[in-house]
């Protein structure tokens, strides 16, 4: 496993991050694994050299944080792992149980730490942009979280580039803790981030930790197998709508995989991991082979000709994943 700096921050993370949305409680989503079924994947990730784990308070309404926290406490020294969690999405139907207000952020970080069983997270991420809260209020609250020692670094997730730049500029202007990472939607089927967000992050030294690097399994072939998640994942049905270019991209991935004698997931992961500015793709895993393929994929080196074959079918798409 290779370890790299998280953008311009001093902290080092593995070149692959284990996303924990699939771990927690099946009562939240049918396809989520319970604690007993989740723990082997966290252990497998650690054994594979992964030190970077991403969750969110809204995943299984807190149960994901609890499962991850207990597993890491049993399997690894706290200072050897990098824990990221996120805040924004509703935790209940109460009026202050969502968003990026000072009230919600400061309450949420304390609740997340309690569930994770730790006194700090290494990366605290805003889970999308909140247009209803003044930016100044949000970044001041996040600064409090860092200066109080409850988080070491700050990250952001999918939003428009102008929104991210506005937040960064105000953080710098007021001498506040700044975002060091961007967790955005990026894969062979969705490449709109290449227009503005990726160049912005490269220019400012901000880490890029893409979510859905395999397009919710579409690039790995799992969407064609009728899995429970594939049939119930409404956001994915909106983001990936079976346009002609999708079929051509998938065919290119499968063709190169066949020539290489490797699973398609490895080829798709190799492409994402090798893009300029990408720090650590976030992979979900509910079967042992998912992590095996992801770990092998970040080591796979594509030729320039293979990259052209993978990228050539792409056509511009509507912005997706900011909601």
Protein backbone atom coordinates (compact mmCIF):
# COMPACT_ATOMS: atom_id res chain seq x y z
CA UNK A 1 0.00 0.00 0.00
CA UNK A 2 1.15 3.50 -0.82
CA UNK A 3 0.50 6.36 1.59
CA UNK A 4 0.24 9.93 0.39
CA UNK A 5 -0.36 13.31 1.94
CA UNK A 6 -3.96 14.45 2.10
CA UNK A 7 -3.50 17.27 -0.37
CA UNK A 8 -1.25 19.92 1.15
CA UNK A 9 -1.95 18.71 4.69
CA UNK A 10 0.74 16.83 6.55
CA UNK A 11 -1.43 13.81 7.36
CA UNK A 12 -0.88 10.71 5.22
CA UNK A 13 -3.62 8.39 4.00
CA UNK A 14 -3.71 5.14 2.06
CA UNK A 15 -4.28 5.40 -1.69
CA UNK A 16 -7.64 3.73 -1.11
CA UNK A 17 -10.33 4.67 1.40
CA UNK A 18 -12.97 2.27 2.73
CA UNK A 19 -16.41 3.87 2.64
CA UNK A 20 -18.73 2.63 5.37
CA UNK A 21 -22.18 3.53 4.03
CA UNK A 22 -22.93 -0.20 3.66
CA UNK A 23 -22.23 -0.95 7.33
CA UNK A 24 -24.70 -0.31 10.11
CA UNK A 25 -28.35 -1.35 10.18
CA UNK A 26 -30.49 -3.01 7.48
CA UNK A 27 -33.43 -1.14 9.02
CA UNK A 28 -32.05 1.99 7.31
CA UNK A 29 -31.56 0.42 3.86
CA UNK A 30 -32.22 -3.22 2.95
CA UNK A 31 -28.76 -3.66 1.44
CA UNK A 32 -26.84 -2.46 4.53
CA UNK A 33 -24.87 -5.10 6.45
CA UNK A 34 -25.32 -5.45 10.20
CA UNK A 35 -22.40 -5.24 12.61
CA UNK A 36 -21.49 -8.90 12.52
CA UNK A 37 -21.37 -8.94 8.73
CA UNK A 38 -19.58 -5.58 8.53
CA UNK A 39 -16.61 -6.20 10.81
CA UNK A 40 -14.77 -8.65 8.49
CA UNK A 41 -14.59 -5.97 5.78
CA UNK A 42 -13.05 -3.43 8.14
CA UNK A 43 -10.52 -6.05 9.22
CA UNK A 44 -9.85 -6.99 5.57
CA UNK A 45 -9.21 -3.33 4.75
CA UNK A 46 -6.74 -2.95 7.62
CA UNK A 47 -4.97 -6.17 6.61
CA UNK A 48 -4.69 -4.75 3.07
CA UNK A 49 -2.93 -1.64 4.36
CA UNK A 50 -5.90 0.73 4.26
CA UNK A 51 -5.71 3.29 7.07
CA UNK A 52 -8.42 5.67 5.79
CA UNK A 53 -12.08 5.08 6.70
CA UNK A 54 -15.01 7.27 5.69
CA UNK A 55 -18.47 7.30 7.27
CA UNK A 56 -21.22 9.86 8.00
CA UNK A 57 -23.65 10.53 10.82
CA UNK A 58 -26.62 9.92 8.53
CA UNK A 59 -25.47 6.45 7.42
CA UNK A 60 -27.87 4.13 9.23
CA UNK A 61 -28.68 7.20 11.37
CA UNK A 62 -25.51 6.82 13.40
CA UNK A 63 -25.18 3.04 13.44
CA UNK A 64 -22.43 3.12 10.80
CA UNK A 65 -20.29 5.30 13.06
CA UNK A 66 -20.92 2.95 15.98
CA UNK A 67 -19.96 -0.16 13.98
CA UNK A 68 -16.82 1.46 12.57
CA UNK A 69 -15.76 2.88 15.92
CA UNK A 70 -16.08 -0.42 17.76
CA UNK A 71 -14.27 -2.36 15.03
CA UNK A 72 -11.34 0.05 14.85
CA UNK A 73 -11.07 0.07 18.63
CA UNK A 74 -10.67 -3.71 18.54
CA UNK A 75 -8.45 -3.96 15.46
CA UNK A 76 -6.08 -0.98 15.34
CA UNK A 77 -4.37 1.64 17.53
CA UNK A 78 -6.25 4.93 17.24
CA UNK A 79 -3.23 6.90 16.04
CA UNK A 80 -2.66 4.48 13.15
CA UNK A 81 -6.01 5.09 11.44
CA UNK A 82 -7.59 8.11 9.76
CA UNK A 83 -11.30 8.45 10.51
CA UNK A 84 -13.53 10.73 8.46
CA UNK A 85 -17.17 11.44 9.17
CA UNK A 86 -19.66 13.89 7.71
CA UNK A 87 -22.42 16.30 8.74
CA UNK A 88 -25.42 17.90 7.01
CA UNK A 89 -28.12 15.40 6.07
CA UNK A 90 -31.16 14.98 8.38
CA UNK A 91 -30.80 12.80 11.46
CA UNK A 92 -34.51 13.18 12.27
CA UNK A 93 -37.49 15.27 11.22
CA UNK A 94 -36.77 17.90 13.89
CA UNK A 95 -36.15 21.45 12.57
CA UNK A 96 -32.50 21.68 13.73
CA UNK A 97 -31.47 18.09 13.00
CA UNK A 98 -29.89 18.86 9.63
CA UNK A 99 -27.89 21.46 7.73
CA UNK A 100 -24.70 23.35 8.44
CA UNK A 101 -25.82 25.79 11.13
CA UNK A 102 -23.57 26.43 14.12
CA UNK A 103 -26.17 24.69 16.29
CA UNK A 104 -26.29 21.53 14.19
CA UNK A 105 -22.54 21.29 13.52
CA UNK A 106 -21.50 21.63 17.16
CA UNK A 107 -24.16 19.18 18.32
CA UNK A 108 -23.35 16.74 15.52
CA UNK A 109 -19.61 16.54 16.10
CA UNK A 110 -20.17 15.67 19.75
CA UNK A 111 -22.73 13.01 18.83
CA UNK A 112 -20.44 11.54 16.17
CA UNK A 113 -17.49 11.35 18.56
CA UNK A 114 -19.61 9.55 21.12
CA UNK A 115 -20.78 7.01 18.55
CA UNK A 116 -17.28 6.50 17.18
CA UNK A 117 -15.83 6.09 20.67
CA UNK A 118 -13.04 8.61 20.16
CA UNK A 119 -12.21 12.14 21.27
CA UNK A 120 -11.52 13.38 17.73
CA UNK A 121 -11.99 12.63 14.07
CA UNK A 122 -9.14 13.12 11.65
CA UNK A 123 -11.30 14.61 8.91
CA UNK A 124 -14.68 16.33 9.41
CA UNK A 125 -16.54 16.73 6.13
CA UNK A 126 -19.54 18.87 5.25
CA UNK A 127 -21.92 16.50 3.46
CA UNK A 128 -22.86 18.82 0.56
CA UNK A 129 -23.44 22.59 0.54
CA UNK A 130 -26.18 24.15 2.67
CA UNK A 131 -27.75 27.10 0.81
CA UNK A 132 -29.99 27.96 3.77
CA UNK A 133 -27.16 28.78 6.20
CA UNK A 134 -24.81 31.75 5.78
CA UNK A 135 -21.38 30.55 4.71
CA UNK A 136 -19.75 32.62 7.45
CA UNK A 137 -21.74 30.79 10.12
CA UNK A 138 -20.76 27.40 8.75
CA UNK A 139 -17.04 28.06 8.43
CA UNK A 140 -16.85 29.71 11.85
CA UNK A 141 -18.52 26.68 13.44
CA UNK A 142 -16.12 24.34 11.61
CA UNK A 143 -13.19 26.42 12.84
CA UNK A 144 -14.42 25.93 16.41
CA UNK A 145 -14.50 22.18 15.84
CA UNK A 146 -10.86 22.17 14.72
CA UNK A 147 -9.54 24.58 17.34
CA UNK A 148 -11.28 22.65 20.10
CA UNK A 149 -9.41 19.52 19.02
CA UNK A 150 -12.52 17.59 17.99
CA UNK A 151 -11.30 17.36 14.37
CA UNK A 152 -7.81 17.55 12.93
CA UNK A 153 -8.79 18.64 9.40
CA UNK A 154 -11.82 19.76 7.42
CA UNK A 155 -13.20 18.46 4.15
CA UNK A 156 -16.07 19.25 1.79
CA UNK A 157 -18.13 17.17 -0.61
CA UNK A 158 -19.96 17.56 -3.90
CA UNK A 159 -20.95 21.13 -4.71
CA UNK A 160 -20.43 23.71 -7.44
CA UNK A 161 -16.90 25.01 -7.80
CA UNK A 162 -17.96 28.60 -7.14
CA UNK A 163 -19.52 27.53 -3.83
CA UNK A 164 -16.35 25.74 -2.77
CA UNK A 165 -14.16 28.66 -3.83
CA UNK A 166 -16.37 31.11 -1.94
CA UNK A 167 -16.03 29.09 1.24
CA UNK A 168 -12.27 28.70 0.82
CA UNK A 169 -11.82 32.43 0.19
CA UNK A 170 -13.76 33.38 3.31
CA UNK A 171 -11.83 30.87 5.41
CA UNK A 172 -8.56 32.41 4.22
CA UNK A 173 -9.84 35.96 4.62
CA UNK A 174 -10.86 35.40 8.24
CA UNK A 175 -7.91 33.22 9.24
CA UNK A 176 -10.06 30.14 9.82
CA UNK A 177 -9.24 26.46 9.42
CA UNK A 178 -9.53 25.63 5.71
CA UNK A 179 -10.80 22.64 3.78
CA UNK A 180 -8.02 20.25 2.78
CA UNK A 181 -10.10 17.76 0.78
CA UNK A 182 -12.97 17.50 -1.69
CA UNK A 183 -15.09 14.32 -1.78
CA UNK A 184 -16.79 14.47 -5.15
CA UNK A 185 -18.62 12.33 -7.68
CA UNK A 186 -16.12 11.06 -10.24
CA UNK A 187 -15.78 7.97 -12.42
CA UNK A 188 -15.50 6.99 -16.08
CA UNK A 189 -19.23 7.55 -16.62
CA UNK A 190 -19.40 10.87 -14.75
CA UNK A 191 -16.48 13.19 -15.52
CA UNK A 192 -18.03 16.65 -15.27
CA UNK A 193 -15.71 17.38 -12.31
CA UNK A 194 -12.86 17.67 -14.82
CA UNK A 195 -14.23 21.02 -16.03
CA UNK A 196 -13.75 23.11 -12.89
CA UNK A 197 -13.53 21.24 -9.58
CA UNK A 198 -10.50 19.06 -10.32
CA UNK A 199 -8.43 21.93 -11.76
CA UNK A 200 -9.37 24.06 -8.75
CA UNK A 201 -8.26 21.37 -6.33
CA UNK A 202 -4.99 20.81 -8.17
CA UNK A 203 -4.26 24.54 -8.17
CA UNK A 204 -4.89 24.89 -4.43
CA UNK A 205 -3.33 21.61 -3.32
CA UNK A 206 -6.63 20.14 -2.13
CA UNK A 207 -6.98 16.37 -1.92
CA UNK A 208 -9.60 14.69 -4.09
CA UNK A 209 -11.29 11.61 -2.62
CA UNK A 210 -13.89 10.54 -5.20
CA UNK A 211 -17.04 8.72 -4.20
CA UNK A 212 -18.66 6.13 -6.45
CA UNK A 213 -15.47 5.44 -8.45
CA UNK A 214 -17.16 2.38 -9.96
CA UNK A 215 -20.44 4.23 -10.71
CA UNK A 216 -22.34 2.37 -8.00
CA UNK A 217 -21.11 -0.95 -9.41
CA UNK A 218 -22.09 -0.23 -13.01
CA UNK A 219 -18.46 -0.31 -14.12
CA UNK A 220 -17.89 -3.55 -12.23
CA UNK A 221 -20.80 -5.38 -13.82
CA UNK A 222 -22.87 -5.67 -10.63
CA UNK A 223 -25.72 -3.51 -11.94
CA UNK A 224 -26.48 -6.09 -14.58
CA UNK A 225 -26.79 -8.87 -11.99
CA UNK A 226 -29.89 -7.46 -10.29
CA UNK A 227 -28.46 -7.10 -6.78
CA UNK A 228 -30.71 -5.74 -4.04
CA UNK A 229 -28.91 -2.41 -4.01
CA UNK A 230 -28.94 -2.16 -7.79
CA UNK A 231 -32.70 -2.54 -7.90
CA UNK A 232 -33.46 -0.13 -5.02
CA UNK A 233 -30.81 2.56 -5.47
CA UNK A 234 -32.93 5.43 -6.78
CA UNK A 235 -30.14 8.07 -6.89
CA UNK A 236 -28.06 5.80 -9.11
CA UNK A 237 -31.00 5.32 -11.43
CA UNK A 238 -31.08 9.10 -11.89
CA UNK A 239 -27.32 9.58 -12.26
CA UNK A 240 -26.71 6.69 -14.66
CA UNK A 241 -29.51 6.52 -17.19
CA UNK A 242 -28.16 4.03 -19.72
CA UNK A 243 -27.21 6.54 -22.41
CA UNK A 244 -25.39 5.19 -25.42
CA UNK A 245 -22.05 6.47 -24.17
CA UNK A 246 -22.49 4.51 -20.92
CA UNK A 247 -22.74 1.26 -22.84
CA UNK A 248 -19.66 2.17 -24.90
CA UNK A 249 -17.66 3.05 -21.79
CA UNK A 250 -18.67 -0.18 -20.06
CA UNK A 251 -17.74 -2.13 -23.19
CA UNK A 252 -14.32 -0.47 -23.24
CA UNK A 253 -13.74 -1.34 -19.58
CA UNK A 254 -14.79 -4.93 -20.13
CA UNK A 255 -12.71 -5.22 -23.29
CA UNK A 256 -9.52 -4.06 -21.60
CA UNK A 257 -10.28 -6.23 -18.58
CA UNK A 258 -10.64 -9.28 -20.83
CA UNK A 259 -7.37 -8.50 -22.56
CA UNK A 260 -5.63 -8.07 -19.22
CA UNK A 261 -7.27 -11.11 -17.66
CA UNK A 262 -8.57 -9.10 -14.69
CA UNK A 263 -12.04 -8.12 -13.43
CA UNK A 264 -13.59 -4.99 -14.91
CA UNK A 265 -13.61 -3.34 -11.48
CA UNK A 266 -9.81 -3.31 -11.47
CA UNK A 267 -9.64 -1.45 -14.77
CA UNK A 268 -12.21 1.16 -13.73
CA UNK A 269 -10.46 1.67 -10.39
CA UNK A 270 -7.06 1.94 -12.06
CA UNK A 271 -8.35 4.77 -14.24
CA UNK A 272 -9.79 6.80 -11.34
CA UNK A 273 -6.78 6.29 -9.07
CA UNK A 274 -4.35 7.38 -11.78
CA UNK A 275 -6.07 10.67 -12.67
CA UNK A 276 -4.03 13.76 -11.87
CA UNK A 277 -4.95 15.19 -8.48
CA UNK A 278 -6.88 12.16 -7.21
CA UNK A 279 -5.64 11.23 -3.76
CA UNK A 280 -7.72 8.31 -2.49
CA UNK A 281 -10.90 6.91 -4.10
CA UNK A 282 -13.60 5.79 -1.66
CA UNK A 283 -14.73 2.23 -2.25
CA UNK A 284 -17.67 0.40 -0.74
CA UNK A 285 -17.40 -3.34 -0.13
CA UNK A 286 -20.02 -5.94 0.71
CA UNK A 287 -18.18 -8.94 -0.72
CA UNK A 288 -14.50 -9.88 -0.15
CA UNK A 289 -13.73 -9.55 -3.86
CA UNK A 290 -14.79 -5.89 -3.81
CA UNK A 291 -11.83 -4.95 -1.65
CA UNK A 292 -9.53 -7.39 -3.42
CA UNK A 293 -10.32 -5.83 -6.79
CA UNK A 294 -10.01 -2.29 -5.46
CA UNK A 295 -6.63 -2.98 -3.89
CA UNK A 296 -5.40 -4.61 -7.10
CA UNK A 297 -6.89 -1.81 -9.19
CA UNK A 298 -4.90 0.98 -7.57
CA UNK A 299 -1.75 -0.97 -8.45
CA UNK A 300 -2.74 -1.62 -12.06
CA UNK A 301 -0.97 0.65 -14.57
CA UNK A 302 -2.92 1.43 -17.73
CA UNK A 303 -1.19 2.26 -20.99
CA UNK A 304 -1.79 5.58 -22.72
CA UNK A 305 -3.67 3.74 -25.47
CA UNK A 306 -5.93 2.04 -22.93
CA UNK A 307 -6.72 5.38 -21.30
CA UNK A 308 -7.74 6.78 -24.68
CA UNK A 309 -10.04 3.81 -25.27
CA UNK A 310 -11.67 4.30 -21.89
CA UNK A 311 -12.15 8.04 -22.22
CA UNK A 312 -13.07 8.41 -25.90
CA UNK A 313 -16.79 7.42 -25.64
CA UNK A 314 -17.60 10.00 -22.94
CA UNK A 315 -20.20 12.66 -23.65
CA UNK A 316 -21.10 15.67 -21.47
CA UNK A 317 -23.76 14.98 -18.84
CA UNK A 318 -25.94 17.05 -16.50
CA UNK A 319 -24.40 17.80 -13.12
CA UNK A 320 -25.26 14.97 -10.71
CA UNK A 321 -24.55 14.21 -7.07
CA UNK A 322 -24.82 17.70 -5.56
CA UNK A 323 -28.23 17.04 -4.08
